[in-house]
């Protein structure tokens, strides 16, 4: 008698391998083993490997951007603000492919808004949810008269802000060749005003970079995660180290901390101020001719720049 045929028997396929190339066309493979060879004329065992193409996309590919976001609310209620829209990256560039930078007009656009002049009278109040640290220059060029003017200015600003859990917290540092804390972030308006009035005139150099660092430490330790964070610098001189100032300002801005500069007098470089301040510069650099001109108009300008809710 002739034996009955026995067909070949195959095992299960393995999972597909990784693609052999990340781009430009590669292959994936999978394997299986022969469990039993065919006998007596049975159907032979089948293939033990399969291959399929993968990652056919070009190795050099430009990034892919999402659609434009909606226009943001106006950054200011008066005095000329801006509305912003952006395009975020959906897929990064590959190989030699290109991609517009985050500041490129292909990814960031803005329009002017609320150009009506901010009026100093009747005085409006800031009702925004902010954590703000002011950094007061007490270097030699400021003089006692300038320090007194800056303290008076800050007390007026504080009086026009609603402080509290749902409002603003204020803190202060002062600096010359080094920077020190005057008042940690607080919602106690009278305590803030008292400490600002007691800031001493150190009459040395202008270490603005260290002032930014100390102000940032106050925000890190006391600021609320739900609030907008800002540092306001009052100064009349270029910093001792422009490199340290540039590095610290960039670090803060990269972390989302707003940097506002109140530049007093003629000795400050406008170009440098605009570089160090948060974009757009015209909303974050306030030019003042002298310490005596820190008046109600300038306090209104600062509050309008700083406070989204200014009414």
C-alpha atoms as a PDB file:
ATOM      1  CA  UNK A   1       0.000   0.000   0.000  1.00  0.00           C
ATOM      2  CA  UNK A   2       1.047   3.563  -0.675  1.00  0.00           C
ATOM      3  CA  UNK A   3       1.213   5.916   2.431  1.00  0.00           C
ATOM      4  CA  UNK A   4      -1.242   8.813   2.557  1.00  0.00           C
ATOM      5  CA  UNK A   5       0.237  12.229   1.631  1.00  0.00           C
ATOM      6  CA  UNK A   6       1.014  14.544   4.504  1.00  0.00           C
ATOM      7  CA  UNK A   7       0.976  18.324   3.830  1.00  0.00           C
ATOM      8  CA  UNK A   8       3.673  20.619   5.072  1.00  0.00           C
ATOM      9  CA  UNK A   9       2.764  22.621   8.221  1.00  0.00           C
ATOM     10  CA  UNK A  10       3.908  26.221   8.930  1.00  0.00           C
ATOM     11  CA  UNK A  11       4.248  28.066  12.208  1.00  0.00           C
ATOM     12  CA  UNK A  12       2.808  31.512  13.021  1.00  0.00           C
ATOM     13  CA  UNK A  13       4.213  34.640  11.438  1.00  0.00           C
ATOM     14  CA  UNK A  14       6.396  36.848  13.639  1.00  0.00           C
ATOM     15  CA  UNK A  15       5.565  40.556  13.990  1.00  0.00           C
ATOM     16  CA  UNK A  16       6.755  42.837  11.195  1.00  0.00           C
ATOM     17  CA  UNK A  17      10.277  44.137  11.753  1.00  0.00           C
ATOM     18  CA  UNK A  18      11.165  47.795  11.957  1.00  0.00           C
ATOM     19  CA  UNK A  19      11.554  49.542   8.633  1.00  0.00           C
ATOM     20  CA  UNK A  20      15.073  49.265   7.303  1.00  0.00           C
ATOM     21  CA  UNK A  21      15.155  53.005   6.521  1.00  0.00           C
ATOM     22  CA  UNK A  22      13.562  56.037   8.190  1.00  0.00           C
ATOM     23  CA  UNK A  23      12.806  57.627   4.827  1.00  0.00           C
ATOM     24  CA  UNK A  24      13.478  57.231   1.128  1.00  0.00           C
ATOM     25  CA  UNK A  25      11.927  53.753   0.877  1.00  0.00           C
ATOM     26  CA  UNK A  26      12.799  50.762   3.012  1.00  0.00           C
ATOM     27  CA  UNK A  27      11.394  47.327   3.754  1.00  0.00           C
ATOM     28  CA  UNK A  28       9.849  45.437   6.636  1.00  0.00           C
ATOM     29  CA  UNK A  29      10.124  41.683   6.974  1.00  0.00           C
ATOM     30  CA  UNK A  30       8.497  38.891   8.925  1.00  0.00           C
ATOM     31  CA  UNK A  31       9.330  35.212   9.269  1.00  0.00           C
ATOM     32  CA  UNK A  32       7.823  31.868  10.148  1.00  0.00           C
ATOM     33  CA  UNK A  33       9.293  28.450  10.566  1.00  0.00           C
ATOM     34  CA  UNK A  34       8.439  25.062   9.039  1.00  0.00           C
ATOM     35  CA  UNK A  35       6.812  22.904  11.699  1.00  0.00           C
ATOM     36  CA  UNK A  36       6.541  19.869   9.422  1.00  0.00           C
ATOM     37  CA  UNK A  37       7.879  19.117   5.989  1.00  0.00           C
ATOM     38  CA  UNK A  38       5.542  17.582   3.396  1.00  0.00           C
ATOM     39  CA  UNK A  39       5.658  13.833   3.049  1.00  0.00           C
ATOM     40  CA  UNK A  40       4.475  11.279   0.533  1.00  0.00           C
ATOM     41  CA  UNK A  41       3.505  13.831  -2.069  1.00  0.00           C
ATOM     42  CA  UNK A  42       1.674  16.239   0.236  1.00  0.00           C
ATOM     43  CA  UNK A  43       1.511  19.984  -0.344  1.00  0.00           C
ATOM     44  CA  UNK A  44       4.991  21.419   0.243  1.00  0.00           C
ATOM     45  CA  UNK A  45       5.749  23.854   3.072  1.00  0.00           C
ATOM     46  CA  UNK A  46       5.099  27.499   2.114  1.00  0.00           C
ATOM     47  CA  UNK A  47       7.345  30.571   2.171  1.00  0.00           C
ATOM     48  CA  UNK A  48       9.195  31.337   5.376  1.00  0.00           C
ATOM     49  CA  UNK A  49       9.705  35.107   4.800  1.00  0.00           C
ATOM     50  CA  UNK A  50       7.563  38.016   3.565  1.00  0.00           C
ATOM     51  CA  UNK A  51       8.653  41.533   2.726  1.00  0.00           C
ATOM     52  CA  UNK A  52       6.755  44.771   2.220  1.00  0.00           C
ATOM     53  CA  UNK A  53       7.744  48.400   1.462  1.00  0.00           C
ATOM     54  CA  UNK A  54       7.690  51.157   4.095  1.00  0.00           C
ATOM     55  CA  UNK A  55       8.646  54.812   4.728  1.00  0.00           C
ATOM     56  CA  UNK A  56       8.428  55.786   1.106  1.00  0.00           C
ATOM     57  CA  UNK A  57       8.353  59.499   1.976  1.00  0.00           C
ATOM     58  CA  UNK A  58      11.357  61.587   0.867  1.00  0.00           C
ATOM     59  CA  UNK A  59      14.243  61.938   3.308  1.00  0.00           C
ATOM     60  CA  UNK A  60      14.260  65.723   2.783  1.00  0.00           C
ATOM     61  CA  UNK A  61      10.886  67.205   3.675  1.00  0.00           C
ATOM     62  CA  UNK A  62       9.776  70.621   4.844  1.00  0.00           C
ATOM     63  CA  UNK A  63       7.848  70.844   8.079  1.00  0.00           C
ATOM     64  CA  UNK A  64       4.063  70.736   8.045  1.00  0.00           C
ATOM     65  CA  UNK A  65       2.210  73.553   9.831  1.00  0.00           C
ATOM     66  CA  UNK A  66      -1.275  73.590  11.325  1.00  0.00           C
ATOM     67  CA  UNK A  67      -3.857  76.127  10.228  1.00  0.00           C
ATOM     68  CA  UNK A  68      -3.788  79.607  11.749  1.00  0.00           C
ATOM     69  CA  UNK A  69      -5.168  79.919  15.268  1.00  0.00           C
ATOM     70  CA  UNK A  70      -7.991  82.365  15.941  1.00  0.00           C
ATOM     71  CA  UNK A  71      -6.958  85.988  16.577  1.00  0.00           C
ATOM     72  CA  UNK A  72      -6.201  86.584  20.251  1.00  0.00           C
ATOM     73  CA  UNK A  73      -7.980  89.213  22.305  1.00  0.00           C
ATOM     74  CA  UNK A  74      -6.414  92.677  22.152  1.00  0.00           C
ATOM     75  CA  UNK A  75      -3.446  92.965  24.493  1.00  0.00           C
ATOM     76  CA  UNK A  76      -4.540  96.418  25.695  1.00  0.00           C
ATOM     77  CA  UNK A  77      -7.835  98.202  26.262  1.00  0.00           C
ATOM     78  CA  UNK A  78      -6.372 101.541  25.137  1.00  0.00           C
ATOM     79  CA  UNK A  79      -3.158 103.114  23.923  1.00  0.00           C
ATOM     80  CA  UNK A  80      -2.639 100.746  21.017  1.00  0.00           C
ATOM     81  CA  UNK A  81      -2.362  97.008  21.567  1.00  0.00           C
ATOM     82  CA  UNK A  82      -2.092  94.021  19.273  1.00  0.00           C
ATOM     83  CA  UNK A  83      -3.941  90.872  18.332  1.00  0.00           C
ATOM     84  CA  UNK A  84      -1.931  87.788  17.513  1.00  0.00           C
ATOM     85  CA  UNK A  85      -2.394  84.555  15.611  1.00  0.00           C
ATOM     86  CA  UNK A  86       0.051  81.696  15.084  1.00  0.00           C
ATOM     87  CA  UNK A  87       0.633  78.496  13.143  1.00  0.00           C
ATOM     88  CA  UNK A  88       2.029  75.674  15.237  1.00  0.00           C
ATOM     89  CA  UNK A  89       4.104  72.833  13.834  1.00  0.00           C
ATOM     90  CA  UNK A  90       2.271  69.610  13.047  1.00  0.00           C
ATOM     91  CA  UNK A  91       5.233  67.649  11.682  1.00  0.00           C
ATOM     92  CA  UNK A  92       8.912  68.622  11.943  1.00  0.00           C
ATOM     93  CA  UNK A  93      11.190  68.975   8.932  1.00  0.00           C
ATOM     94  CA  UNK A  94      13.211  65.950   7.825  1.00  0.00           C
ATOM     95  CA  UNK A  95      16.783  65.830   6.537  1.00  0.00           C
ATOM     96  CA  UNK A  96      17.593  68.973   4.592  1.00  0.00           C
ATOM     97  CA  UNK A  97      13.989  70.174   4.687  1.00  0.00           C
ATOM     98  CA  UNK A  98      13.240  73.653   6.001  1.00  0.00           C
ATOM     99  CA  UNK A  99      10.784  75.238   8.408  1.00  0.00           C
ATOM    100  CA  UNK A 100       9.957  78.898   9.165  1.00  0.00           C
ATOM    101  CA  UNK A 101      11.050  80.055  12.630  1.00  0.00           C
ATOM    102  CA  UNK A 102       8.426  80.727  15.295  1.00  0.00           C
ATOM    103  CA  UNK A 103       8.852  84.493  14.758  1.00  0.00           C
ATOM    104  CA  UNK A 104       8.584  84.263  10.954  1.00  0.00           C
ATOM    105  CA  UNK A 105       5.547  85.962   9.428  1.00  0.00           C
ATOM    106  CA  UNK A 106       4.564  82.611   7.934  1.00  0.00           C
ATOM    107  CA  UNK A 107       3.942  81.431  11.501  1.00  0.00           C
ATOM    108  CA  UNK A 108       3.208  84.612  13.467  1.00  0.00           C
ATOM    109  CA  UNK A 109       1.030  87.547  12.437  1.00  0.00           C
ATOM    110  CA  UNK A 110      -0.346  90.509  14.332  1.00  0.00           C
ATOM    111  CA  UNK A 111      -2.616  93.476  13.800  1.00  0.00           C
ATOM    112  CA  UNK A 112      -3.080  96.716  15.742  1.00  0.00           C
ATOM    113  CA  UNK A 113      -6.137  97.225  17.947  1.00  0.00           C
ATOM    114  CA  UNK A 114      -7.642  99.623  20.533  1.00  0.00           C
ATOM    115  CA  UNK A 115      -5.697 102.668  19.365  1.00  0.00           C
ATOM    116  CA  UNK A 116      -7.782 105.090  21.461  1.00  0.00           C
ATOM    117  CA  UNK A 117      -5.648 107.178  23.852  1.00  0.00           C
ATOM    118  CA  UNK A 118      -5.512 106.082  27.482  1.00  0.00           C
ATOM    119  CA  UNK A 119      -6.737 108.971  29.659  1.00  0.00           C
ATOM    120  CA  UNK A 120      -5.069 109.624  33.024  1.00  0.00           C
ATOM    121  CA  UNK A 121      -8.274 111.087  34.443  1.00  0.00           C
ATOM    122  CA  UNK A 122     -10.498 109.803  35.789  1.00  0.00           C
ATOM    123  CA  UNK A 123      -7.926 107.235  36.991  1.00  0.00           C
ATOM    124  CA  UNK A 124      -8.709 103.675  35.926  1.00  0.00           C
ATOM    125  CA  UNK A 125      -7.804 100.620  37.989  1.00  0.00           C
ATOM    126  CA  UNK A 126      -6.066  97.387  37.071  1.00  0.00           C
ATOM    127  CA  UNK A 127      -8.269  94.394  37.889  1.00  0.00           C
ATOM    128  CA  UNK A 128      -6.097  91.726  36.272  1.00  0.00           C
ATOM    129  CA  UNK A 129      -4.820  88.471  37.798  1.00  0.00           C
ATOM    130  CA  UNK A 130      -1.093  89.306  37.916  1.00  0.00           C
ATOM    131  CA  UNK A 131       2.052  88.607  39.908  1.00  0.00           C
ATOM    132  CA  UNK A 132       4.380  91.570  39.392  1.00  0.00           C
ATOM    133  CA  UNK A 133       7.841  92.219  40.807  1.00  0.00           C
ATOM    134  CA  UNK A 134       9.291  95.718  40.379  1.00  0.00           C
ATOM    135  CA  UNK A 135      13.071  96.169  40.263  1.00  0.00           C
ATOM    136  CA  UNK A 136      14.182  99.638  41.412  1.00  0.00           C
ATOM    137  CA  UNK A 137      17.523 101.082  40.303  1.00  0.00           C
ATOM    138  CA  UNK A 138      19.408 102.686  43.240  1.00  0.00           C
ATOM    139  CA  UNK A 139      22.746 103.230  41.478  1.00  0.00           C
ATOM    140  CA  UNK A 140      24.817 106.387  41.740  1.00  0.00           C
ATOM    141  CA  UNK A 141      23.230 108.226  38.803  1.00  0.00           C
ATOM    142  CA  UNK A 142      19.712 107.865  40.226  1.00  0.00           C
ATOM    143  CA  UNK A 143      20.412 110.193  43.179  1.00  0.00           C
ATOM    144  CA  UNK A 144      18.134 110.448  46.225  1.00  0.00           C
ATOM    145  CA  UNK A 145      15.705 112.621  44.301  1.00  0.00           C
ATOM    146  CA  UNK A 146      15.303 109.968  41.597  1.00  0.00           C
ATOM    147  CA  UNK A 147      14.792 107.248  44.181  1.00  0.00           C
ATOM    148  CA  UNK A 148      12.121 109.335  45.884  1.00  0.00           C
ATOM    149  CA  UNK A 149      10.402 109.900  42.527  1.00  0.00           C
ATOM    150  CA  UNK A 150      10.452 106.167  41.704  1.00  0.00           C
ATOM    151  CA  UNK A 151       8.965 105.316  45.128  1.00  0.00           C
ATOM    152  CA  UNK A 152       6.188 107.861  44.631  1.00  0.00           C
ATOM    153  CA  UNK A 153       5.499 106.486  41.154  1.00  0.00           C
ATOM    154  CA  UNK A 154       5.239 102.911  42.426  1.00  0.00           C
ATOM    155  CA  UNK A 155       2.890 103.914  45.238  1.00  0.00           C
ATOM    156  CA  UNK A 156       0.577 105.570  42.694  1.00  0.00           C
ATOM    157  CA  UNK A 157       0.719 102.428  40.549  1.00  0.00           C
ATOM    158  CA  UNK A 158      -0.096 100.249  43.579  1.00  0.00           C
ATOM    159  CA  UNK A 159      -3.051 102.447  44.520  1.00  0.00           C
ATOM    160  CA  UNK A 160      -4.484 101.895  41.054  1.00  0.00           C
ATOM    161  CA  UNK A 161      -4.283  98.107  41.250  1.00  0.00           C
ATOM    162  CA  UNK A 162      -6.784  95.736  42.846  1.00  0.00           C
ATOM    163  CA  UNK A 163      -4.703  93.464  45.067  1.00  0.00           C
ATOM    164  CA  UNK A 164      -5.927  90.135  46.398  1.00  0.00           C
ATOM    165  CA  UNK A 165      -6.409  86.448  45.693  1.00  0.00           C
ATOM    166  CA  UNK A 166      -8.195  87.090  42.403  1.00  0.00           C
ATOM    167  CA  UNK A 167      -6.329  90.301  41.635  1.00  0.00           C
ATOM    168  CA  UNK A 168      -2.676  91.277  41.706  1.00  0.00           C
ATOM    169  CA  UNK A 169       0.245  90.515  43.985  1.00  0.00           C
ATOM    170  CA  UNK A 170       3.150  92.969  44.103  1.00  0.00           C
ATOM    171  CA  UNK A 171       6.766  92.456  45.137  1.00  0.00           C
ATOM    172  CA  UNK A 172       9.890  94.611  44.976  1.00  0.00           C
ATOM    173  CA  UNK A 173      13.652  94.284  44.685  1.00  0.00           C
ATOM    174  CA  UNK A 174      16.256  97.039  44.538  1.00  0.00           C
ATOM    175  CA  UNK A 175      19.677  96.972  42.973  1.00  0.00           C
ATOM    176  CA  UNK A 176      22.967  98.712  42.427  1.00  0.00           C
ATOM    177  CA  UNK A 177      26.148  96.597  42.309  1.00  0.00           C
ATOM    178  CA  UNK A 178      24.008  93.752  43.709  1.00  0.00           C
ATOM    179  CA  UNK A 179      20.276  93.099  44.103  1.00  0.00           C
ATOM    180  CA  UNK A 180      18.231  92.593  47.277  1.00  0.00           C
ATOM    181  CA  UNK A 181      14.621  91.844  48.136  1.00  0.00           C
ATOM    182  CA  UNK A 182      12.592  94.756  49.478  1.00  0.00           C
ATOM    183  CA  UNK A 183       9.201  93.027  49.694  1.00  0.00           C
ATOM    184  CA  UNK A 184       8.197  89.473  48.664  1.00  0.00           C
ATOM    185  CA  UNK A 185       5.028  89.076  46.630  1.00  0.00           C
ATOM    186  CA  UNK A 186       2.120  90.308  48.700  1.00  0.00           C
ATOM    187  CA  UNK A 187      -1.496  91.395  48.406  1.00  0.00           C
ATOM    188  CA  UNK A 188      -0.983  93.838  51.293  1.00  0.00           C
ATOM    189  CA  UNK A 189      -0.905  97.171  49.496  1.00  0.00           C
ATOM    190  CA  UNK A 190       0.159  99.234  52.496  1.00  0.00           C
ATOM    191  CA  UNK A 191       3.046  96.881  53.289  1.00  0.00           C
ATOM    192  CA  UNK A 192       4.263  97.129  49.696  1.00  0.00           C
ATOM    193  CA  UNK A 193       4.088 100.931  49.701  1.00  0.00           C
ATOM    194  CA  UNK A 194       5.917 101.142  53.032  1.00  0.00           C
ATOM    195  CA  UNK A 195       8.762  98.899  51.888  1.00  0.00           C
ATOM    196  CA  UNK A 196       9.144 100.772  48.616  1.00  0.00           C
ATOM    197  CA  UNK A 197       9.437 104.039  50.542  1.00  0.00           C
ATOM    198  CA  UNK A 198      12.235 102.520  52.659  1.00  0.00           C
ATOM    199  CA  UNK A 199      14.467 101.416  49.753  1.00  0.00           C
ATOM    200  CA  UNK A 200      17.948 102.889  50.363  1.00  0.00           C
ATOM    201  CA  UNK A 201      20.124 104.706  47.832  1.00  0.00           C
ATOM    202  CA  UNK A 202      23.131 102.399  47.346  1.00  0.00           C
ATOM    203  CA  UNK A 203      24.903 104.791  44.960  1.00  0.00           C
ATOM    204  CA  UNK A 204      27.088 102.220  43.182  1.00  0.00           C
ATOM    205  CA  UNK A 205      27.011 100.473  39.778  1.00  0.00           C
ATOM    206  CA  UNK A 206      24.027  99.137  37.813  1.00  0.00           C
ATOM    207  CA  UNK A 207      23.746  95.342  37.983  1.00  0.00           C
ATOM    208  CA  UNK A 208      20.401  95.036  36.202  1.00  0.00           C
ATOM    209  CA  UNK A 209      21.036  91.415  35.211  1.00  0.00           C
ATOM    210  CA  UNK A 210      21.223  90.342  38.858  1.00  0.00           C
ATOM    211  CA  UNK A 211      18.077  92.342  39.586  1.00  0.00           C
ATOM    212  CA  UNK A 212      16.211  90.291  36.969  1.00  0.00           C
ATOM    213  CA  UNK A 213      17.530  87.076  38.505  1.00  0.00           C
ATOM    214  CA  UNK A 214      16.468  88.019  42.050  1.00  0.00           C
ATOM    215  CA  UNK A 215      13.051  89.185  40.814  1.00  0.00           C
ATOM    216  CA  UNK A 216      12.635  85.857  38.999  1.00  0.00           C
ATOM    217  CA  UNK A 217      13.426  83.981  42.227  1.00  0.00           C
ATOM    218  CA  UNK A 218      10.579  85.853  43.942  1.00  0.00           C
ATOM    219  CA  UNK A 219       8.213  84.787  41.190  1.00  0.00           C
ATOM    220  CA  UNK A 220       9.432  81.190  41.354  1.00  0.00           C
ATOM    221  CA  UNK A 221       8.857  80.985  45.097  1.00  0.00           C
ATOM    222  CA  UNK A 222       5.638  82.974  45.523  1.00  0.00           C
ATOM    223  CA  UNK A 223       3.836  83.455  42.191  1.00  0.00           C
ATOM    224  CA  UNK A 224       0.530  81.730  41.522  1.00  0.00           C
ATOM    225  CA  UNK A 225       0.415  79.256  38.621  1.00  0.00           C
ATOM    226  CA  UNK A 226      -2.856  80.758  37.358  1.00  0.00           C
ATOM    227  CA  UNK A 227      -1.571  84.340  37.092  1.00  0.00           C
ATOM    228  CA  UNK A 228       0.424  86.213  34.467  1.00  0.00           C
ATOM    229  CA  UNK A 229       3.979  86.874  35.645  1.00  0.00           C
ATOM    230  CA  UNK A 230       5.873  90.110  34.978  1.00  0.00           C
ATOM    231  CA  UNK A 231       8.973  92.017  36.049  1.00  0.00           C
ATOM    232  CA  UNK A 232       9.018  95.816  35.751  1.00  0.00           C
ATOM    233  CA  UNK A 233      12.474  97.442  35.833  1.00  0.00           C
ATOM    234  CA  UNK A 234      12.876 101.157  36.631  1.00  0.00           C
ATOM    235  CA  UNK A 235      16.388 102.279  35.604  1.00  0.00           C
ATOM    236  CA  UNK A 236      18.324 105.238  34.235  1.00  0.00           C
ATOM    237  CA  UNK A 237      21.580 103.520  33.232  1.00  0.00           C
ATOM    238  CA  UNK A 238      22.947 100.780  31.019  1.00  0.00           C
ATOM    239  CA  UNK A 239      23.722  97.569  32.932  1.00  0.00           C
ATOM    240  CA  UNK A 240      27.218  96.782  34.150  1.00  0.00           C
ATOM    241  CA  UNK A 241      27.191  93.660  31.959  1.00  0.00           C
ATOM    242  CA  UNK A 242      25.097  93.696  28.796  1.00  0.00           C
ATOM    243  CA  UNK A 243      25.901  90.011  28.327  1.00  0.00           C
ATOM    244  CA  UNK A 244      24.438  89.009  31.712  1.00  0.00           C
ATOM    245  CA  UNK A 245      21.446  91.265  31.122  1.00  0.00           C
ATOM    246  CA  UNK A 246      20.802  89.746  27.680  1.00  0.00           C
ATOM    247  CA  UNK A 247      21.163  86.180  28.971  1.00  0.00           C
ATOM    248  CA  UNK A 248      18.863  86.738  31.945  1.00  0.00           C
ATOM    249  CA  UNK A 249      16.225  88.585  29.912  1.00  0.00           C
ATOM    250  CA  UNK A 250      16.166  85.782  27.328  1.00  0.00           C
ATOM    251  CA  UNK A 251      15.894  83.126  30.057  1.00  0.00           C
ATOM    252  CA  UNK A 252      12.911  84.895  31.613  1.00  0.00           C
ATOM    253  CA  UNK A 253      11.138  85.489  28.316  1.00  0.00           C
ATOM    254  CA  UNK A 254      11.658  81.854  27.301  1.00  0.00           C
ATOM    255  CA  UNK A 255       9.875  80.882  30.539  1.00  0.00           C
ATOM    256  CA  UNK A 256       6.933  83.144  29.732  1.00  0.00           C
ATOM    257  CA  UNK A 257       7.814  85.897  32.228  1.00  0.00           C
ATOM    258  CA  UNK A 258       7.071  89.326  30.814  1.00  0.00           C
ATOM    259  CA  UNK A 259       9.909  91.869  31.011  1.00  0.00           C
ATOM    260  CA  UNK A 260       8.890  95.553  31.035  1.00  0.00           C
ATOM    261  CA  UNK A 261      11.480  98.339  31.132  1.00  0.00           C
ATOM    262  CA  UNK A 262      10.810 101.884  32.317  1.00  0.00           C
ATOM    263  CA  UNK A 263      13.822 103.665  30.809  1.00  0.00           C
ATOM    264  CA  UNK A 264      14.534 107.022  32.476  1.00  0.00           C
ATOM    265  CA  UNK A 265      16.803 109.655  30.947  1.00  0.00           C
ATOM    266  CA  UNK A 266      18.912 109.897  27.782  1.00  0.00           C
ATOM    267  CA  UNK A 267      21.773 107.505  28.581  1.00  0.00           C
ATOM    268  CA  UNK A 268      19.923 104.273  27.787  1.00  0.00           C
ATOM    269  CA  UNK A 269      20.198 102.594  24.393  1.00  0.00           C
ATOM    270  CA  UNK A 270      16.703 102.238  22.941  1.00  0.00           C
ATOM    271  CA  UNK A 271      17.873  99.426  20.680  1.00  0.00           C
ATOM    272  CA  UNK A 272      19.180  97.457  23.678  1.00  0.00           C
ATOM    273  CA  UNK A 273      16.015  98.129  25.697  1.00  0.00           C
ATOM    274  CA  UNK A 274      13.859  96.823  22.869  1.00  0.00           C
ATOM    275  CA  UNK A 275      15.993  93.688  22.650  1.00  0.00           C
ATOM    276  CA  UNK A 276      15.752  92.963  26.376  1.00  0.00           C
ATOM    277  CA  UNK A 277      12.042  93.709  26.764  1.00  0.00           C
ATOM    278  CA  UNK A 278       9.253  91.333  25.831  1.00  0.00           C
ATOM    279  CA  UNK A 279       7.820  91.592  22.296  1.00  0.00           C
ATOM    280  CA  UNK A 280       6.318  93.893  21.096  1.00  0.00           C
ATOM    281  CA  UNK A 281       8.763  96.511  22.352  1.00  0.00           C
ATOM    282  CA  UNK A 282       6.360  99.449  22.082  1.00  0.00           C
ATOM    283  CA  UNK A 283       4.145  97.787  24.728  1.00  0.00           C
ATOM    284  CA  UNK A 284       7.024  96.867  27.029  1.00  0.00           C
ATOM    285  CA  UNK A 285       9.462  99.798  26.901  1.00  0.00           C
ATOM    286  CA  UNK A 286       8.348 103.108  28.430  1.00  0.00           C
ATOM    287  CA  UNK A 287      10.636 106.068  27.785  1.00  0.00           C
ATOM    288  CA  UNK A 288      10.745 108.826  30.421  1.00  0.00           C
ATOM    289  CA  UNK A 289      12.875 111.962  30.014  1.00  0.00           C
ATOM    290  CA  UNK A 290      13.693 112.294  33.725  1.00  0.00           C
ATOM    291  CA  UNK A 291      12.725 110.920  37.138  1.00  0.00           C
ATOM    292  CA  UNK A 292      10.543 113.978  37.766  1.00  0.00           C
ATOM    293  CA  UNK A 293       8.388 113.013  34.782  1.00  0.00           C
ATOM    294  CA  UNK A 294       7.190 109.773  36.348  1.00  0.00           C
ATOM    295  CA  UNK A 295       3.701 111.269  36.531  1.00  0.00           C
ATOM    296  CA  UNK A 296       0.090 110.094  36.245  1.00  0.00           C
ATOM    297  CA  UNK A 297       0.409 109.824  32.472  1.00  0.00           C
ATOM    298  CA  UNK A 298       3.295 107.383  32.825  1.00  0.00           C
ATOM    299  CA  UNK A 299       1.544 105.358  35.532  1.00  0.00           C
ATOM    300  CA  UNK A 300      -1.483 105.115  33.246  1.00  0.00           C
ATOM    301  CA  UNK A 301       0.768 103.996  30.387  1.00  0.00           C
ATOM    302  CA  UNK A 302       2.401 101.306  32.535  1.00  0.00           C
ATOM    303  CA  UNK A 303      -0.934  99.998  33.840  1.00  0.00           C
ATOM    304  CA  UNK A 304      -2.484  99.982  30.379  1.00  0.00           C
ATOM    305  CA  UNK A 305       0.493  97.996  29.087  1.00  0.00           C
ATOM    306  CA  UNK A 306       0.495  95.615  32.038  1.00  0.00           C
ATOM    307  CA  UNK A 307      -3.185  94.958  32.685  1.00  0.00           C
ATOM    308  CA  UNK A 308      -5.558  93.237  30.246  1.00  0.00           C
ATOM    309  CA  UNK A 309      -8.407  94.285  32.563  1.00  0.00           C
ATOM    310  CA  UNK A 310      -7.993  98.019  32.988  1.00  0.00           C
ATOM    311  CA  UNK A 311     -11.223  99.844  33.712  1.00  0.00           C
END
